[in-house]
Amino acid sequence: MFIQPWDATLDDAEWRTWIADGHDFGIPDDPEQARARVEHLRRLLPDTVTVGISGDAAAARGLNA
């Protein structure tokens, strides 16, 4: 995956701290939380952006949300 320089972390400590502070990537296991996460993302993104779904266990949660 290509990451623009302005989107990159400063170093490994930056993203590790972000995760340790309770942030996460992806879709929560709980269906209501998953639905809320997808709705939140849809409000943030313009209509011209498509949200992709991975091919792992998170895919079903994302599609159901």
N, C-alpha and C. Protein backbone atom coordinates (compact mmCIF):
# COMPACT_ATOMS: atom_id res chain seq x y z
N MET A 1 0.84 -1.16 0.00
CA MET A 1 0.00 0.00 0.00
C MET A 1 0.89 1.23 0.00
N PHE A 2 0.55 2.18 -0.85
CA PHE A 2 1.29 3.44 -0.90
C PHE A 2 0.68 4.41 0.10
N ILE A 3 1.51 5.00 0.93
CA ILE A 3 1.07 6.00 1.90
C ILE A 3 1.78 7.31 1.59
N GLN A 4 0.99 8.35 1.38
CA GLN A 4 1.57 9.66 1.10
C GLN A 4 2.42 10.10 2.30
N PRO A 5 3.50 10.83 2.05
CA PRO A 5 4.36 11.27 3.15
C PRO A 5 3.61 12.04 4.24
N TRP A 6 2.62 12.83 3.86
CA TRP A 6 1.89 13.62 4.85
C TRP A 6 0.92 12.77 5.67
N ASP A 7 0.64 11.54 5.23
CA ASP A 7 -0.23 10.63 5.98
C ASP A 7 0.55 9.64 6.83
N ALA A 8 1.85 9.56 6.61
CA ALA A 8 2.68 8.58 7.32
C ALA A 8 2.87 8.97 8.78
N THR A 9 3.10 7.96 9.60
CA THR A 9 3.41 8.23 11.00
C THR A 9 4.82 8.80 11.11
N LEU A 10 5.07 9.47 12.20
CA LEU A 10 6.41 10.01 12.42
C LEU A 10 7.41 8.90 12.67
N ASP A 11 6.97 7.87 13.41
CA ASP A 11 7.80 6.72 13.71
C ASP A 11 6.90 5.61 14.26
N ASP A 12 7.45 4.44 14.55
CA ASP A 12 6.64 3.32 15.06
C ASP A 12 5.95 3.66 16.38
N ALA A 13 6.58 4.47 17.20
CA ALA A 13 5.99 4.82 18.50
C ALA A 13 4.67 5.56 18.33
N GLU A 14 4.54 6.36 17.27
CA GLU A 14 3.31 7.13 17.08
C GLU A 14 2.10 6.21 16.87
N TRP A 15 2.21 5.24 15.97
CA TRP A 15 1.05 4.38 15.74
C TRP A 15 0.84 3.40 16.87
N ARG A 16 1.91 2.95 17.52
CA ARG A 16 1.75 2.04 18.66
C ARG A 16 1.03 2.74 19.83
N THR A 17 1.35 4.00 20.06
CA THR A 17 0.68 4.78 21.09
C THR A 17 -0.79 4.97 20.74
N TRP A 18 -1.07 5.23 19.49
CA TRP A 18 -2.44 5.43 19.02
C TRP A 18 -3.28 4.18 19.30
N ILE A 19 -2.73 2.99 18.99
CA ILE A 19 -3.43 1.73 19.25
C ILE A 19 -3.57 1.51 20.75
N ALA A 20 -2.52 1.75 21.51
CA ALA A 20 -2.55 1.56 22.96
C ALA A 20 -3.56 2.47 23.65
N ASP A 21 -3.83 3.62 23.04
CA ASP A 21 -4.80 4.56 23.61
C ASP A 21 -6.25 4.15 23.33
N GLY A 22 -6.44 2.99 22.69
CA GLY A 22 -7.79 2.48 22.49
C GLY A 22 -8.35 2.67 21.10
N HIS A 23 -7.58 3.27 20.21
CA HIS A 23 -8.05 3.41 18.83
C HIS A 23 -7.88 2.07 18.12
N ASP A 24 -8.60 1.89 17.06
CA ASP A 24 -8.54 0.63 16.35
C ASP A 24 -8.78 0.87 14.87
N PHE A 25 -8.50 -0.13 14.09
CA PHE A 25 -8.81 -0.12 12.67
C PHE A 25 -9.94 -1.10 12.45
N GLY A 26 -10.67 -0.94 11.40
CA GLY A 26 -11.66 -1.93 11.03
C GLY A 26 -13.01 -1.76 11.70
N ILE A 27 -13.74 -2.85 11.74
CA ILE A 27 -15.12 -2.88 12.20
C ILE A 27 -15.20 -3.62 13.53
N PRO A 28 -15.90 -3.06 14.52
CA PRO A 28 -16.06 -3.74 15.81
C PRO A 28 -16.83 -5.06 15.67
N ASP A 29 -16.66 -5.97 16.61
CA ASP A 29 -17.36 -7.24 16.61
C ASP A 29 -18.86 -7.08 16.87
N ASP A 30 -19.21 -6.15 17.74
CA ASP A 30 -20.61 -5.94 18.09
C ASP A 30 -21.37 -5.35 16.90
N PRO A 31 -22.50 -5.96 16.49
CA PRO A 31 -23.23 -5.47 15.31
C PRO A 31 -23.69 -4.01 15.41
N GLU A 32 -24.14 -3.58 16.57
CA GLU A 32 -24.58 -2.18 16.72
C GLU A 32 -23.40 -1.23 16.62
N GLN A 33 -22.28 -1.61 17.23
CA GLN A 33 -21.08 -0.76 17.13
C GLN A 33 -20.56 -0.74 15.70
N ALA A 34 -20.65 -1.89 15.01
CA ALA A 34 -20.22 -1.95 13.61
C ALA A 34 -21.08 -1.03 12.76
N ARG A 35 -22.39 -1.07 12.96
CA ARG A 35 -23.31 -0.21 12.20
C ARG A 35 -23.00 1.27 12.47
N ALA A 36 -22.76 1.61 13.73
CA ALA A 36 -22.45 2.99 14.07
C ALA A 36 -21.14 3.43 13.43
N ARG A 37 -20.15 2.54 13.39
CA ARG A 37 -18.85 2.87 12.79
C ARG A 37 -19.00 3.14 11.29
N VAL A 38 -19.74 2.27 10.60
CA VAL A 38 -19.93 2.44 9.16
C VAL A 38 -20.72 3.72 8.88
N GLU A 39 -21.75 3.98 9.65
CA GLU A 39 -22.53 5.21 9.47
C GLU A 39 -21.67 6.44 9.69
N HIS A 40 -20.81 6.39 10.71
CA HIS A 40 -19.89 7.50 10.99
C HIS A 40 -18.96 7.73 9.80
N LEU A 41 -18.38 6.65 9.27
CA LEU A 41 -17.48 6.78 8.12
C LEU A 41 -18.22 7.35 6.91
N ARG A 42 -19.45 6.90 6.70
CA ARG A 42 -20.22 7.41 5.55
C ARG A 42 -20.50 8.90 5.68
N ARG A 43 -20.69 9.39 6.90
CA ARG A 43 -20.91 10.83 7.10
C ARG A 43 -19.64 11.62 6.82
N LEU A 44 -18.48 11.04 7.11
CA LEU A 44 -17.21 11.74 6.92
C LEU A 44 -16.76 11.77 5.47
N LEU A 45 -17.08 10.73 4.72
CA LEU A 45 -16.57 10.59 3.36
C LEU A 45 -17.53 11.18 2.34
N PRO A 46 -16.99 11.80 1.30
CA PRO A 46 -17.86 12.30 0.24
C PRO A 46 -18.50 11.12 -0.51
N ASP A 47 -19.60 11.38 -1.19
CA ASP A 47 -20.32 10.34 -1.93
C ASP A 47 -19.47 9.70 -3.02
N THR A 48 -18.43 10.38 -3.44
CA THR A 48 -17.58 9.86 -4.51
C THR A 48 -16.58 8.82 -4.01
N VAL A 49 -16.50 8.61 -2.70
CA VAL A 49 -15.58 7.64 -2.11
C VAL A 49 -16.33 6.35 -1.80
N THR A 50 -15.75 5.23 -2.21
CA THR A 50 -16.33 3.92 -1.94
C THR A 50 -15.57 3.28 -0.79
N VAL A 51 -16.31 2.72 0.15
CA VAL A 51 -15.68 2.02 1.27
C VAL A 51 -15.53 0.57 0.88
N GLY A 52 -14.30 0.07 0.92
CA GLY A 52 -14.03 -1.32 0.55
C GLY A 52 -14.18 -2.25 1.74
N ILE A 53 -14.44 -3.50 1.44
CA ILE A 53 -14.58 -4.53 2.46
C ILE A 53 -13.48 -5.56 2.23
N SER A 54 -12.79 -5.93 3.30
CA SER A 54 -11.72 -6.91 3.19
C SER A 54 -12.29 -8.31 3.02
N GLY A 55 -11.43 -9.26 2.75
CA GLY A 55 -11.87 -10.64 2.55
C GLY A 55 -11.72 -11.50 3.78
N ASP A 56 -11.67 -10.90 4.95
CA ASP A 56 -11.50 -11.69 6.17
C ASP A 56 -12.78 -11.67 7.00
N ALA A 57 -12.68 -12.06 8.25
CA ALA A 57 -13.86 -12.14 9.12
C ALA A 57 -14.55 -10.79 9.30
N ALA A 58 -13.80 -9.70 9.17
CA ALA A 58 -14.39 -8.38 9.30
C ALA A 58 -15.32 -8.05 8.14
N ALA A 59 -15.16 -8.75 7.02
CA ALA A 59 -15.97 -8.45 5.84
C ALA A 59 -17.45 -8.64 6.12
N ALA A 60 -17.81 -9.73 6.77
CA ALA A 60 -19.23 -9.99 7.07
C ALA A 60 -19.80 -8.92 7.98
N ARG A 61 -19.03 -8.49 8.98
CA ARG A 61 -19.51 -7.44 9.88
C ARG A 61 -19.71 -6.14 9.10
N GLY A 62 -18.80 -5.82 8.21
CA GLY A 62 -18.92 -4.60 7.42
C GLY A 62 -20.09 -4.64 6.47
N LEU A 63 -20.30 -5.78 5.83
CA LEU A 63 -21.42 -5.89 4.91
C LEU A 63 -22.76 -5.87 5.64
N ASN A 64 -22.81 -6.47 6.82
CA ASN A 64 -24.04 -6.46 7.61
C ASN A 64 -24.35 -5.07 8.17
N ALA A 65 -23.32 -4.29 8.43
CA ALA A 65 -23.51 -2.97 8.99
C ALA A 65 -24.09 -2.06 7.94
